[in-house]
Amino acid sequence: MTNAAIIQDAAFQLMKEGKIGTTGRMFKYTVQDADGNESEMVCPEPEMIHTFQHWKSLGFKVKKGEHAVARIEIWKHASKTETDDNGEEIDKSRMFRKVACFFSMSQVERMEGTA
């Protein structure tokens, strides 16, 4: 499962639990039952959630005193290059799961000087 899918699933769960709100827009998706029949479903779109760093990159800051609305385990990529005894560089990249703190749109505000 990708980070985007993990975060989206978490956002829907947080909305269902009443921890975050909605955007006011409706989200359409198709589901398939065991017999292969498809039907279209409609539900409210959850409020955006991002990490502190992602909000910062978007030009927002977390409001003073706010605590993360969720701690979600996501994928993290680490890359390191080492040189072996023969002088050849070896890529030591790896993927691992890491818990990250997420904040909702209602917990952030636009930073001064950003559009």
Protein backbone atom coordinates (compact mmCIF):
# COMPACT_ATOMS: atom_id res chain seq x y z
CA MET A 1 0.00 0.00 0.00
CA THR A 2 1.36 3.44 -0.91
CA ASN A 3 1.67 6.33 1.55
CA ALA A 4 -1.08 8.18 -0.32
CA ALA A 5 -3.47 5.23 0.14
CA ILE A 6 -2.48 4.81 3.81
CA ILE A 7 -3.11 8.51 4.50
CA GLN A 8 -6.38 8.55 2.56
CA ASP A 9 -7.70 5.52 4.49
CA ALA A 10 -6.66 7.18 7.77
CA ALA A 11 -8.41 10.43 6.79
CA PHE A 12 -11.68 8.59 6.08
CA GLN A 13 -11.40 6.77 9.42
CA LEU A 14 -10.68 10.04 11.29
CA MET A 15 -13.70 11.66 9.60
CA LYS A 16 -15.88 8.69 10.55
CA GLU A 17 -14.69 9.01 14.18
CA GLY A 18 -15.46 12.76 14.15
CA LYS A 19 -11.82 13.78 14.69
CA ILE A 20 -11.64 15.77 11.45
CA GLY A 21 -14.26 17.48 9.32
CA THR A 22 -15.05 17.40 5.63
CA THR A 23 -14.15 19.65 2.72
CA GLY A 24 -17.82 20.07 1.85
CA ARG A 25 -17.29 18.21 -1.43
CA MET A 26 -18.60 14.76 -2.20
CA PHE A 27 -16.31 11.85 -3.15
CA LYS A 28 -17.53 9.32 -5.75
CA TYR A 29 -16.13 5.82 -5.98
CA THR A 30 -17.11 2.46 -7.45
CA VAL A 31 -17.38 -0.74 -5.43
CA GLN A 32 -17.63 -4.28 -6.72
CA ASP A 33 -19.51 -7.02 -4.89
CA ALA A 34 -18.59 -10.73 -4.79
CA ASP A 35 -20.62 -11.39 -7.96
CA GLY A 36 -18.72 -8.72 -9.92
CA ASN A 37 -21.58 -6.21 -9.94
CA GLU A 38 -20.42 -2.61 -9.68
CA SER A 39 -22.24 0.21 -7.94
CA GLU A 40 -21.36 3.85 -7.46
CA MET A 41 -21.08 5.20 -3.92
CA VAL A 42 -20.98 8.80 -2.73
CA CYS A 43 -19.64 10.06 0.59
CA PRO A 44 -18.21 13.31 1.99
CA GLU A 45 -14.56 14.05 1.20
CA PRO A 46 -12.45 14.21 4.40
CA GLU A 47 -10.47 17.26 5.42
CA MET A 48 -6.83 17.15 4.27
CA ILE A 49 -4.23 15.83 6.69
CA HIS A 50 -0.46 16.20 6.28
CA THR A 51 2.70 16.04 8.34
CA PHE A 52 4.18 19.19 9.90
CA GLN A 53 6.88 19.29 7.19
CA HIS A 54 4.39 18.83 4.34
CA TRP A 55 2.19 21.66 5.62
CA LYS A 56 5.32 23.83 5.89
CA SER A 57 6.26 23.05 2.27
CA LEU A 58 2.73 24.12 1.23
CA GLY A 59 3.16 27.50 3.00
CA PHE A 60 1.25 26.71 6.19
CA LYS A 61 2.23 26.51 9.83
CA VAL A 62 0.62 24.53 12.63
CA LYS A 63 -1.25 26.79 15.03
CA LYS A 64 0.35 27.25 18.44
CA GLY A 65 -0.82 24.67 20.98
CA GLU A 66 -2.20 22.20 18.42
CA HIS A 67 -1.48 18.50 18.84
CA ALA A 68 -1.40 15.95 16.03
CA VAL A 69 -4.83 14.63 15.11
CA ALA A 70 -3.30 11.24 14.27
CA ARG A 71 -0.11 9.20 14.38
CA ILE A 72 0.07 7.08 11.24
CA GLU A 73 2.64 4.48 10.24
CA ILE A 74 3.88 5.35 6.73
CA TRP A 75 6.72 4.24 4.45
CA LYS A 76 10.07 6.07 4.65
CA HIS A 77 12.93 5.77 2.17
CA ALA A 78 16.53 5.94 3.34
CA SER A 79 19.41 6.01 0.90
CA LYS A 80 23.07 5.63 1.66
CA THR A 81 26.07 4.95 -0.55
CA GLU A 82 29.08 3.04 0.77
CA THR A 83 32.40 2.21 -0.85
CA ASP A 84 33.51 -1.43 -0.71
CA ASP A 85 37.10 -2.72 -0.49
CA ASN A 86 37.48 -2.55 -4.30
CA GLY A 87 36.54 1.15 -4.39
CA GLU A 88 33.12 0.47 -5.92
CA GLU A 89 30.13 2.38 -4.61
CA ILE A 90 27.30 0.25 -3.25
CA ASP A 91 23.77 1.61 -2.91
CA LYS A 92 22.35 0.77 0.54
CA SER A 93 18.78 2.06 -0.03
CA ARG A 94 15.97 0.64 2.02
CA MET A 95 12.31 1.19 2.82
CA PHE A 96 10.90 0.95 6.32
CA ARG A 97 7.76 1.90 8.26
CA LYS A 98 7.85 4.99 10.48
CA VAL A 99 5.21 6.62 12.64
CA ALA A 100 4.52 10.22 11.58
CA CYS A 101 2.31 12.88 13.19
CA PHE A 102 -0.47 14.35 11.04
CA PHE A 103 -2.36 17.64 11.36
CA SER A 104 -5.65 18.59 9.72
CA MET A 105 -6.46 21.69 7.66
CA SER A 106 -8.33 23.22 10.62
CA GLN A 107 -5.12 23.04 12.72
CA VAL A 108 -2.96 25.12 10.36
CA GLU A 109 -2.82 28.69 9.10
CA ARG A 110 -1.11 30.31 6.16
CA MET A 111 2.37 31.64 6.94
CA GLU A 112 2.89 35.38 6.55
CA GLY A 113 4.37 36.34 3.22
CA THR A 114 2.97 33.33 1.31
CA ALA A 115 0.23 33.55 -1.28
